[in-house]
C-alpha atoms as a PDB file:
ATOM      1  CA  UNK A   1       0.000   0.000   0.000  1.00  0.00           C
ATOM      2  CA  UNK A   2       1.075   3.563  -0.523  1.00  0.00           C
ATOM      3  CA  UNK A   3       0.016   6.455   1.663  1.00  0.00           C
ATOM      4  CA  UNK A   4       0.076   9.066  -1.083  1.00  0.00           C
ATOM      5  CA  UNK A   5       2.966  10.902   0.591  1.00  0.00           C
ATOM      6  CA  UNK A   6       5.455   8.593  -1.067  1.00  0.00           C
ATOM      7  CA  UNK A   7       5.950   6.782   2.224  1.00  0.00           C
ATOM      8  CA  UNK A   8       5.528   3.031   2.014  1.00  0.00           C
ATOM      9  CA  UNK A   9       2.759   1.567   4.126  1.00  0.00           C
ATOM     10  CA  UNK A  10       2.063  -1.960   5.229  1.00  0.00           C
ATOM     11  CA  UNK A  11      -0.195  -4.471   3.524  1.00  0.00           C
ATOM     12  CA  UNK A  12      -3.666  -5.619   4.553  1.00  0.00           C
ATOM     13  CA  UNK A  13      -4.360  -9.357   4.628  1.00  0.00           C
ATOM     14  CA  UNK A  14      -7.925 -10.471   5.380  1.00  0.00           C
ATOM     15  CA  UNK A  15      -8.505 -13.941   6.782  1.00  0.00           C
ATOM     16  CA  UNK A  16     -12.116 -15.066   6.697  1.00  0.00           C
ATOM     17  CA  UNK A  17     -14.159 -18.232   6.784  1.00  0.00           C
ATOM     18  CA  UNK A  18     -16.962 -19.920   8.658  1.00  0.00           C
ATOM     19  CA  UNK A  19     -17.104 -20.139  12.425  1.00  0.00           C
ATOM     20  CA  UNK A  20     -15.010 -23.035  13.728  1.00  0.00           C
ATOM     21  CA  UNK A  21     -12.791 -23.369  10.670  1.00  0.00           C
ATOM     22  CA  UNK A  22      -9.610 -22.427  12.572  1.00  0.00           C
ATOM     23  CA  UNK A  23      -9.074 -18.753  11.686  1.00  0.00           C
ATOM     24  CA  UNK A  24      -7.978 -17.729  15.197  1.00  0.00           C
ATOM     25  CA  UNK A  25      -5.568 -20.631  15.512  1.00  0.00           C
ATOM     26  CA  UNK A  26      -4.026 -19.864  12.119  1.00  0.00           C
ATOM     27  CA  UNK A  27      -3.700 -16.162  13.010  1.00  0.00           C
ATOM     28  CA  UNK A  28      -1.893 -16.998  16.269  1.00  0.00           C
ATOM     29  CA  UNK A  29       0.562 -19.199  14.366  1.00  0.00           C
ATOM     30  CA  UNK A  30       1.165 -16.443  11.798  1.00  0.00           C
ATOM     31  CA  UNK A  31       1.937 -13.939  14.575  1.00  0.00           C
ATOM     32  CA  UNK A  32       4.535 -16.331  15.993  1.00  0.00           C
ATOM     33  CA  UNK A  33       6.238 -16.860  12.633  1.00  0.00           C
ATOM     34  CA  UNK A  34       6.114 -13.561  10.748  1.00  0.00           C
ATOM     35  CA  UNK A  35       7.733 -10.367  11.963  1.00  0.00           C
ATOM     36  CA  UNK A  36       6.126  -6.965  11.685  1.00  0.00           C
ATOM     37  CA  UNK A  37       2.537  -8.273  11.640  1.00  0.00           C
ATOM     38  CA  UNK A  38      -0.279  -6.582  13.537  1.00  0.00           C
ATOM     39  CA  UNK A  39      -3.409  -8.633  14.264  1.00  0.00           C
ATOM     40  CA  UNK A  40      -6.355  -6.264  14.384  1.00  0.00           C
ATOM     41  CA  UNK A  41      -8.539  -6.774  17.456  1.00  0.00           C
ATOM     42  CA  UNK A  42     -12.232  -6.335  16.713  1.00  0.00           C
ATOM     43  CA  UNK A  43     -14.727  -4.461  18.848  1.00  0.00           C
ATOM     44  CA  UNK A  44     -17.845  -6.484  19.674  1.00  0.00           C
ATOM     45  CA  UNK A  45     -21.144  -6.256  21.509  1.00  0.00           C
ATOM     46  CA  UNK A  46     -21.214  -9.963  22.323  1.00  0.00           C
ATOM     47  CA  UNK A  47     -20.693 -11.237  25.836  1.00  0.00           C
ATOM     48  CA  UNK A  48     -17.185 -12.161  26.890  1.00  0.00           C
ATOM     49  CA  UNK A  49     -16.670 -15.934  26.971  1.00  0.00           C
ATOM     50  CA  UNK A  50     -14.732 -17.776  29.661  1.00  0.00           C
ATOM     51  CA  UNK A  51     -11.012 -17.195  29.234  1.00  0.00           C
ATOM     52  CA  UNK A  52     -11.366 -14.182  26.926  1.00  0.00           C
ATOM     53  CA  UNK A  53      -9.732 -10.888  27.845  1.00  0.00           C
ATOM     54  CA  UNK A  54     -10.847  -7.386  26.928  1.00  0.00           C
ATOM     55  CA  UNK A  55      -8.279  -5.775  24.648  1.00  0.00           C
ATOM     56  CA  UNK A  56      -6.664  -9.127  23.858  1.00  0.00           C
ATOM     57  CA  UNK A  57      -9.375 -11.239  22.240  1.00  0.00           C
ATOM     58  CA  UNK A  58     -11.839  -8.410  21.516  1.00  0.00           C
ATOM     59  CA  UNK A  59     -12.751  -4.972  22.763  1.00  0.00           C
ATOM     60  CA  UNK A  60     -16.046  -5.732  24.526  1.00  0.00           C
ATOM     61  CA  UNK A  61     -18.554  -2.851  24.512  1.00  0.00           C
ATOM     62  CA  UNK A  62     -22.280  -2.278  24.986  1.00  0.00           C
ATOM     63  CA  UNK A  63     -24.581  -1.812  21.993  1.00  0.00           C
ATOM     64  CA  UNK A  64     -24.888   1.883  22.882  1.00  0.00           C
ATOM     65  CA  UNK A  65     -21.114   2.308  22.913  1.00  0.00           C
ATOM     66  CA  UNK A  66     -20.804   0.425  19.614  1.00  0.00           C
ATOM     67  CA  UNK A  67     -23.416   2.726  18.034  1.00  0.00           C
ATOM     68  CA  UNK A  68     -21.523   5.803  19.290  1.00  0.00           C
ATOM     69  CA  UNK A  69     -18.268   4.510  17.799  1.00  0.00           C
ATOM     70  CA  UNK A  70     -20.023   3.624  14.538  1.00  0.00           C
ATOM     71  CA  UNK A  71     -21.595   7.094  14.225  1.00  0.00           C
ATOM     72  CA  UNK A  72     -18.219   8.684  14.969  1.00  0.00           C
ATOM     73  CA  UNK A  73     -16.695   6.774  12.022  1.00  0.00           C
ATOM     74  CA  UNK A  74     -14.362   4.798  14.271  1.00  0.00           C
ATOM     75  CA  UNK A  75     -14.755   1.528  12.344  1.00  0.00           C
ATOM     76  CA  UNK A  76     -13.167   0.599   9.038  1.00  0.00           C
ATOM     77  CA  UNK A  77     -15.938  -1.984   8.687  1.00  0.00           C
ATOM     78  CA  UNK A  78     -18.676  -3.400  10.863  1.00  0.00           C
ATOM     79  CA  UNK A  79     -21.252  -6.138  10.596  1.00  0.00           C
ATOM     80  CA  UNK A  80     -23.944  -7.890  12.559  1.00  0.00           C
ATOM     81  CA  UNK A  81     -23.177 -11.578  13.016  1.00  0.00           C
ATOM     82  CA  UNK A  82     -25.480 -13.933  14.932  1.00  0.00           C
ATOM     83  CA  UNK A  83     -27.196 -10.997  16.631  1.00  0.00           C
ATOM     84  CA  UNK A  84     -24.005  -9.268  17.779  1.00  0.00           C
ATOM     85  CA  UNK A  85     -22.072  -6.419  16.207  1.00  0.00           C
ATOM     86  CA  UNK A  86     -18.387  -6.585  15.293  1.00  0.00           C
ATOM     87  CA  UNK A  87     -16.217  -3.770  13.987  1.00  0.00           C
ATOM     88  CA  UNK A  88     -12.601  -3.156  13.012  1.00  0.00           C
ATOM     89  CA  UNK A  89     -11.164  -0.106  14.833  1.00  0.00           C
ATOM     90  CA  UNK A  90      -9.902   2.284  12.164  1.00  0.00           C
ATOM     91  CA  UNK A  91      -7.300   4.156  14.251  1.00  0.00           C
ATOM     92  CA  UNK A  92      -5.247   1.126  15.298  1.00  0.00           C
ATOM     93  CA  UNK A  93      -5.272  -0.296  11.771  1.00  0.00           C
ATOM     94  CA  UNK A  94      -4.129   3.010  10.237  1.00  0.00           C
ATOM     95  CA  UNK A  95      -1.374   3.378  12.856  1.00  0.00           C
ATOM     96  CA  UNK A  96      -0.039  -0.122  12.110  1.00  0.00           C
ATOM     97  CA  UNK A  97      -0.121   0.507   8.346  1.00  0.00           C
ATOM     98  CA  UNK A  98       1.692   3.828   8.740  1.00  0.00           C
ATOM     99  CA  UNK A  99       4.366   2.003  10.746  1.00  0.00           C
ATOM    100  CA  UNK A 100       4.848  -0.283   7.727  1.00  0.00           C
ATOM    101  CA  UNK A 101       3.330  -3.329   9.400  1.00  0.00           C
ATOM    102  CA  UNK A 102       1.354  -6.038   7.663  1.00  0.00           C
ATOM    103  CA  UNK A 103      -2.148  -5.898   9.116  1.00  0.00           C
ATOM    104  CA  UNK A 104      -3.965  -9.179   9.543  1.00  0.00           C
ATOM    105  CA  UNK A 105      -7.756  -8.907   9.811  1.00  0.00           C
ATOM    106  CA  UNK A 106      -9.669 -11.951  11.054  1.00  0.00           C
ATOM    107  CA  UNK A 107     -13.211 -10.999  10.078  1.00  0.00           C
ATOM    108  CA  UNK A 108     -16.437 -12.402   8.653  1.00  0.00           C
ATOM    109  CA  UNK A 109     -17.377 -12.351   4.971  1.00  0.00           C
ATOM    110  CA  UNK A 110     -19.570  -9.217   5.310  1.00  0.00           C
ATOM    111  CA  UNK A 111     -16.672  -7.307   6.811  1.00  0.00           C
ATOM    112  CA  UNK A 112     -14.220  -8.681   4.244  1.00  0.00           C
ATOM    113  CA  UNK A 113     -16.388  -7.396   1.406  1.00  0.00           C
ATOM    114  CA  UNK A 114     -16.512  -3.943   3.028  1.00  0.00           C
ATOM    115  CA  UNK A 115     -12.723  -3.895   3.481  1.00  0.00           C
ATOM    116  CA  UNK A 116     -12.172  -4.804  -0.183  1.00  0.00           C
ATOM    117  CA  UNK A 117     -14.283  -1.795  -1.251  1.00  0.00           C
ATOM    118  CA  UNK A 118     -12.336   0.567   1.017  1.00  0.00           C
ATOM    119  CA  UNK A 119      -8.880  -0.992   0.485  1.00  0.00           C
ATOM    120  CA  UNK A 120      -8.952  -2.537  -3.016  1.00  0.00           C
ATOM    121  CA  UNK A 121      -5.400  -3.881  -2.745  1.00  0.00           C
ATOM    122  CA  UNK A 122      -6.187  -5.841   0.434  1.00  0.00           C
ATOM    123  CA  UNK A 123      -5.551  -9.534  -0.126  1.00  0.00           C
ATOM    124  CA  UNK A 124      -8.387 -11.849   0.820  1.00  0.00           C
ATOM    125  CA  UNK A 125      -7.822 -15.404   2.104  1.00  0.00           C
ATOM    126  CA  UNK A 126     -10.782 -17.695   2.754  1.00  0.00           C
ATOM    127  CA  UNK A 127     -10.273 -20.655   5.087  1.00  0.00           C
ATOM    128  CA  UNK A 128     -12.390 -23.687   4.202  1.00  0.00           C
ATOM    129  CA  UNK A 129     -13.149 -26.785   6.264  1.00  0.00           C
ATOM    130  CA  UNK A 130     -12.173 -30.122   4.695  1.00  0.00           C
ATOM    131  CA  UNK A 131     -15.863 -31.088   4.793  1.00  0.00           C
ATOM    132  CA  UNK A 132     -19.137 -29.938   6.371  1.00  0.00           C
ATOM    133  CA  UNK A 133     -19.169 -32.766   8.933  1.00  0.00           C
ATOM    134  CA  UNK A 134     -15.728 -31.754  10.184  1.00  0.00           C
ATOM    135  CA  UNK A 135     -16.886 -28.152  10.602  1.00  0.00           C
ATOM    136  CA  UNK A 136     -19.814 -29.321  12.743  1.00  0.00           C
ATOM    137  CA  UNK A 137     -17.423 -31.418  14.855  1.00  0.00           C
ATOM    138  CA  UNK A 138     -15.133 -28.424  15.375  1.00  0.00           C
ATOM    139  CA  UNK A 139     -17.963 -26.083  16.355  1.00  0.00           C
ATOM    140  CA  UNK A 140     -19.530 -28.554  18.798  1.00  0.00           C
ATOM    141  CA  UNK A 141     -16.099 -29.636  20.056  1.00  0.00           C
ATOM    142  CA  UNK A 142     -15.300 -26.126  21.277  1.00  0.00           C
ATOM    143  CA  UNK A 143     -18.080 -26.460  23.846  1.00  0.00           C
ATOM    144  CA  UNK A 144     -18.882 -22.744  23.608  1.00  0.00           C
ATOM    145  CA  UNK A 145     -22.211 -22.873  21.773  1.00  0.00           C
ATOM    146  CA  UNK A 146     -25.586 -24.380  22.578  1.00  0.00           C
ATOM    147  CA  UNK A 147     -27.436 -26.490  19.993  1.00  0.00           C
ATOM    148  CA  UNK A 148     -29.342 -23.507  18.578  1.00  0.00           C
ATOM    149  CA  UNK A 149     -26.114 -21.518  18.126  1.00  0.00           C
ATOM    150  CA  UNK A 150     -24.456 -24.493  16.425  1.00  0.00           C
ATOM    151  CA  UNK A 151     -27.339 -24.675  13.922  1.00  0.00           C
ATOM    152  CA  UNK A 152     -27.075 -20.913  13.249  1.00  0.00           C
ATOM    153  CA  UNK A 153     -23.323 -21.137  12.751  1.00  0.00           C
ATOM    154  CA  UNK A 154     -23.640 -24.070  10.347  1.00  0.00           C
ATOM    155  CA  UNK A 155     -26.327 -22.278   8.314  1.00  0.00           C
ATOM    156  CA  UNK A 156     -24.120 -19.175   8.246  1.00  0.00           C
ATOM    157  CA  UNK A 157     -21.175 -21.307   7.151  1.00  0.00           C
ATOM    158  CA  UNK A 158     -23.026 -22.462   4.046  1.00  0.00           C
ATOM    159  CA  UNK A 159     -23.698 -18.849   3.024  1.00  0.00           C
ATOM    160  CA  UNK A 160     -20.099 -17.820   3.745  1.00  0.00           C
ATOM    161  CA  UNK A 161     -18.668 -20.721   1.762  1.00  0.00           C
ATOM    162  CA  UNK A 162     -20.879 -19.714  -1.168  1.00  0.00           C
ATOM    163  CA  UNK A 163     -19.374 -16.196  -0.963  1.00  0.00           C
ATOM    164  CA  UNK A 164     -15.803 -17.524  -1.007  1.00  0.00           C
ATOM    165  CA  UNK A 165     -15.621 -16.979  -4.781  1.00  0.00           C
ATOM    166  CA  UNK A 166     -14.995 -13.305  -3.976  1.00  0.00           C
ATOM    167  CA  UNK A 167     -11.659 -14.113  -2.266  1.00  0.00           C
ATOM    168  CA  UNK A 168      -8.183 -14.025  -3.819  1.00  0.00           C
ATOM    169  CA  UNK A 169      -7.091 -17.277  -2.176  1.00  0.00           C
ATOM    170  CA  UNK A 170      -8.775 -20.329  -0.677  1.00  0.00           C
ATOM    171  CA  UNK A 171      -7.023 -22.537   1.857  1.00  0.00           C
ATOM    172  CA  UNK A 172      -8.481 -25.822   3.113  1.00  0.00           C
ATOM    173  CA  UNK A 173      -7.730 -26.363   6.804  1.00  0.00           C
ATOM    174  CA  UNK A 174      -7.549 -30.147   6.778  1.00  0.00           C
ATOM    175  CA  UNK A 175      -4.305 -30.281   8.756  1.00  0.00           C
ATOM    176  CA  UNK A 176      -3.464 -27.177  10.751  1.00  0.00           C
ATOM    177  CA  UNK A 177       0.250 -27.159   9.945  1.00  0.00           C
ATOM    178  CA  UNK A 178      -0.432 -27.414   6.204  1.00  0.00           C
ATOM    179  CA  UNK A 179      -3.010 -24.611   6.323  1.00  0.00           C
ATOM    180  CA  UNK A 180      -0.672 -22.366   8.335  1.00  0.00           C
ATOM    181  CA  UNK A 181       2.170 -23.013   5.894  1.00  0.00           C
ATOM    182  CA  UNK A 182      -0.057 -22.213   2.911  1.00  0.00           C
ATOM    183  CA  UNK A 183      -1.263 -18.956   4.501  1.00  0.00           C
ATOM    184  CA  UNK A 184       2.355 -18.066   5.371  1.00  0.00           C
ATOM    185  CA  UNK A 185       3.417 -18.547   1.752  1.00  0.00           C
ATOM    186  CA  UNK A 186       0.551 -16.340   0.554  1.00  0.00           C
ATOM    187  CA  UNK A 187       1.471 -13.582   3.011  1.00  0.00           C
ATOM    188  CA  UNK A 188       5.160 -13.743   2.081  1.00  0.00           C
ATOM    189  CA  UNK A 189       4.248 -13.555  -1.612  1.00  0.00           C
ATOM    190  CA  UNK A 190       1.953 -10.577  -1.037  1.00  0.00           C
ATOM    191  CA  UNK A 191       4.411  -8.592   1.094  1.00  0.00           C
ATOM    192  CA  UNK A 192       7.302  -9.364  -1.242  1.00  0.00           C
ATOM    193  CA  UNK A 193       9.416 -11.637   0.954  1.00  0.00           C
END
């Protein structure tokens, strides 16, 4: 990316895919292996789950606070997912880009489509499950969702997978190490390493 002032800026890499496909795990591995990468932390209205930390996993806010931030233009993108709002804080992303960092966004398909409109040179990677049954096993295996939520997530997954045609790259997460390596190679290619 170029800032217009002639100063080189970092790149934006979007990682998306259905719930339970392994996006967070892949992102954590990328952070451990690639220097100068900033993982954007989303703001959300959903309740904090056991083990999650504010400012580490998400910025947890009320719906009123989210609306205030949205009206103030504080989000690069935002979307409603399963009844909760998620947004990408604009200021932290812009700061990381201006520092020349590669920004990794782990967001849903709605948000990815918004980012592509705003940042056309963002590179989009869609993570796919090896098969639908495996995705269901992963979602239920996390133990974080009740049966109704699992059904919603699986229905949402079908719609997201259908939208994957919009992405620059598709990576099947059949074996974590293979998926991480493939995403690493894509990032290195895109940032010119």
